[in-house]
Amino acid sequence: MFTDIKIARLNALGLSKTLMIATMVIGIGNQFAVITADEFDGDVTVINEYDPFA
């Protein structure tokens, strides 16, 4: 979990480019997390999406 949105976004972008999978930054309370698109179930707030193929 991250408390700084900038760090969460940079980690999501790097993970997306490294693994070549779509990643998302989600908000949980006042913290942020990075998940892959296949783990997304629709119950959380998506802040940013990163698709390495777009």
N, C-alpha and C. Protein backbone atom coordinates (compact mmCIF):
# COMPACT_ATOMS: atom_id res chain seq x y z
N MET A 1 0.84 -1.17 0.00
CA MET A 1 0.00 0.00 0.00
C MET A 1 0.89 1.24 0.00
N PHE A 2 0.42 2.23 -0.70
CA PHE A 2 1.15 3.49 -0.80
C PHE A 2 0.31 4.62 -0.23
N THR A 3 0.94 5.60 0.36
CA THR A 3 0.22 6.78 0.82
C THR A 3 0.41 7.95 -0.14
N ASP A 4 1.36 7.83 -1.05
CA ASP A 4 1.63 8.88 -2.03
C ASP A 4 1.17 8.40 -3.41
N ILE A 5 0.26 9.15 -4.03
CA ILE A 5 -0.30 8.75 -5.32
C ILE A 5 0.76 8.74 -6.41
N LYS A 6 1.73 9.63 -6.34
CA LYS A 6 2.77 9.68 -7.37
C LYS A 6 3.60 8.40 -7.38
N ILE A 7 3.96 7.92 -6.21
CA ILE A 7 4.75 6.69 -6.11
C ILE A 7 3.92 5.49 -6.61
N ALA A 8 2.65 5.46 -6.26
CA ALA A 8 1.78 4.38 -6.71
C ALA A 8 1.67 4.37 -8.23
N ARG A 9 1.51 5.55 -8.84
CA ARG A 9 1.40 5.63 -10.30
C ARG A 9 2.69 5.19 -10.99
N LEU A 10 3.84 5.61 -10.46
CA LEU A 10 5.12 5.21 -11.05
C LEU A 10 5.33 3.70 -10.96
N ASN A 11 4.96 3.12 -9.83
CA ASN A 11 5.10 1.67 -9.67
C ASN A 11 4.15 0.91 -10.59
N ALA A 12 2.94 1.40 -10.77
CA ALA A 12 1.99 0.75 -11.66
C ALA A 12 2.46 0.82 -13.11
N LEU A 13 2.98 1.96 -13.52
CA LEU A 13 3.49 2.11 -14.89
C LEU A 13 4.68 1.19 -15.12
N GLY A 14 5.61 1.15 -14.18
CA GLY A 14 6.78 0.28 -14.32
C GLY A 14 6.41 -1.19 -14.35
N LEU A 15 5.48 -1.59 -13.50
CA LEU A 15 5.03 -2.98 -13.48
C LEU A 15 4.33 -3.35 -14.78
N SER A 16 3.54 -2.45 -15.29
CA SER A 16 2.84 -2.70 -16.54
C SER A 16 3.81 -2.90 -17.70
N LYS A 17 4.83 -2.06 -17.78
CA LYS A 17 5.81 -2.17 -18.87
C LYS A 17 6.71 -3.38 -18.71
N THR A 18 7.04 -3.75 -17.48
CA THR A 18 7.92 -4.88 -17.23
C THR A 18 7.23 -6.21 -17.50
N LEU A 19 6.02 -6.37 -16.98
CA LEU A 19 5.30 -7.63 -17.12
C LEU A 19 4.43 -7.70 -18.38
N MET A 20 4.26 -6.56 -19.05
CA MET A 20 3.42 -6.45 -20.25
C MET A 20 1.99 -6.91 -19.96
N ILE A 21 1.44 -6.42 -18.85
CA ILE A 21 0.05 -6.65 -18.49
C ILE A 21 -0.56 -5.33 -18.05
N ALA A 22 -1.87 -5.24 -18.12
CA ALA A 22 -2.56 -4.03 -17.68
C ALA A 22 -2.56 -3.98 -16.16
N THR A 23 -2.27 -2.80 -15.61
CA THR A 23 -2.29 -2.60 -14.17
C THR A 23 -3.20 -1.43 -13.83
N MET A 24 -3.61 -1.37 -12.58
CA MET A 24 -4.48 -0.30 -12.10
C MET A 24 -4.01 0.20 -10.75
N VAL A 25 -4.18 1.51 -10.54
CA VAL A 25 -3.98 2.09 -9.23
C VAL A 25 -5.37 2.23 -8.63
N ILE A 26 -5.56 1.66 -7.44
CA ILE A 26 -6.86 1.72 -6.78
C ILE A 26 -6.74 2.50 -5.48
N GLY A 27 -7.84 3.08 -5.07
CA GLY A 27 -7.88 3.82 -3.82
C GLY A 27 -8.64 3.04 -2.77
N ILE A 28 -8.02 2.91 -1.60
CA ILE A 28 -8.65 2.24 -0.46
C ILE A 28 -8.48 3.17 0.73
N GLY A 29 -9.55 3.85 1.08
CA GLY A 29 -9.46 4.84 2.16
C GLY A 29 -8.57 5.99 1.71
N ASN A 30 -7.53 6.27 2.48
CA ASN A 30 -6.57 7.31 2.09
C ASN A 30 -5.26 6.72 1.60
N GLN A 31 -5.28 5.45 1.20
CA GLN A 31 -4.10 4.79 0.67
C GLN A 31 -4.38 4.28 -0.73
N PHE A 32 -3.30 3.92 -1.42
CA PHE A 32 -3.38 3.46 -2.80
C PHE A 32 -2.66 2.14 -2.94
N ALA A 33 -3.13 1.33 -3.89
CA ALA A 33 -2.51 0.03 -4.17
C ALA A 33 -2.45 -0.17 -5.67
N VAL A 34 -1.56 -1.06 -6.09
CA VAL A 34 -1.41 -1.41 -7.51
C VAL A 34 -1.84 -2.86 -7.66
N ILE A 35 -2.77 -3.10 -8.62
CA ILE A 35 -3.22 -4.46 -8.90
C ILE A 35 -3.17 -4.68 -10.41
N THR A 36 -3.18 -5.95 -10.79
CA THR A 36 -3.28 -6.26 -12.22
C THR A 36 -4.75 -6.27 -12.62
N ALA A 37 -5.00 -6.13 -13.89
CA ALA A 37 -6.38 -6.05 -14.38
C ALA A 37 -7.15 -7.34 -14.14
N ASP A 38 -6.48 -8.48 -14.14
CA ASP A 38 -7.19 -9.74 -13.92
C ASP A 38 -7.63 -9.92 -12.46
N GLU A 39 -7.06 -9.15 -11.53
CA GLU A 39 -7.47 -9.19 -10.13
C GLU A 39 -8.61 -8.23 -9.83
N PHE A 40 -8.96 -7.38 -10.77
CA PHE A 40 -10.00 -6.36 -10.57
C PHE A 40 -11.37 -7.01 -10.55
N ASP A 41 -12.15 -6.76 -9.48
CA ASP A 41 -13.48 -7.34 -9.38
C ASP A 41 -14.59 -6.29 -9.40
N GLY A 42 -14.25 -5.03 -9.52
CA GLY A 42 -15.25 -3.98 -9.63
C GLY A 42 -15.69 -3.37 -8.32
N ASP A 43 -15.16 -3.82 -7.19
CA ASP A 43 -15.59 -3.33 -5.89
C ASP A 43 -14.75 -2.18 -5.35
N VAL A 44 -13.75 -1.75 -6.08
CA VAL A 44 -12.85 -0.69 -5.58
C VAL A 44 -12.85 0.49 -6.55
N THR A 45 -12.36 1.62 -6.09
CA THR A 45 -12.27 2.81 -6.91
C THR A 45 -10.97 2.80 -7.70
N VAL A 46 -11.07 2.83 -9.03
CA VAL A 46 -9.90 2.84 -9.91
C VAL A 46 -9.47 4.29 -10.12
N ILE A 47 -8.21 4.59 -9.83
CA ILE A 47 -7.66 5.93 -10.00
C ILE A 47 -7.06 6.07 -11.39
N ASN A 48 -6.18 5.14 -11.78
CA ASN A 48 -5.54 5.14 -13.09
C ASN A 48 -5.46 3.72 -13.62
N GLU A 49 -5.43 3.61 -14.96
CA GLU A 49 -5.22 2.32 -15.62
C GLU A 49 -4.03 2.48 -16.56
N TYR A 50 -3.18 1.46 -16.60
CA TYR A 50 -2.02 1.46 -17.49
C TYR A 50 -2.04 0.21 -18.34
N ASP A 51 -2.09 0.41 -19.65
CA ASP A 51 -2.11 -0.70 -20.60
C ASP A 51 -0.86 -0.60 -21.47
N PRO A 52 0.03 -1.58 -21.39
CA PRO A 52 1.28 -1.48 -22.15
C PRO A 52 1.08 -1.60 -23.66
N PHE A 53 -0.09 -2.04 -24.11
CA PHE A 53 -0.34 -2.22 -25.53
C PHE A 53 -1.08 -1.05 -26.17
N ALA A 54 -1.46 -0.07 -25.36
CA ALA A 54 -2.22 1.08 -25.89
C ALA A 54 -1.28 2.14 -26.43
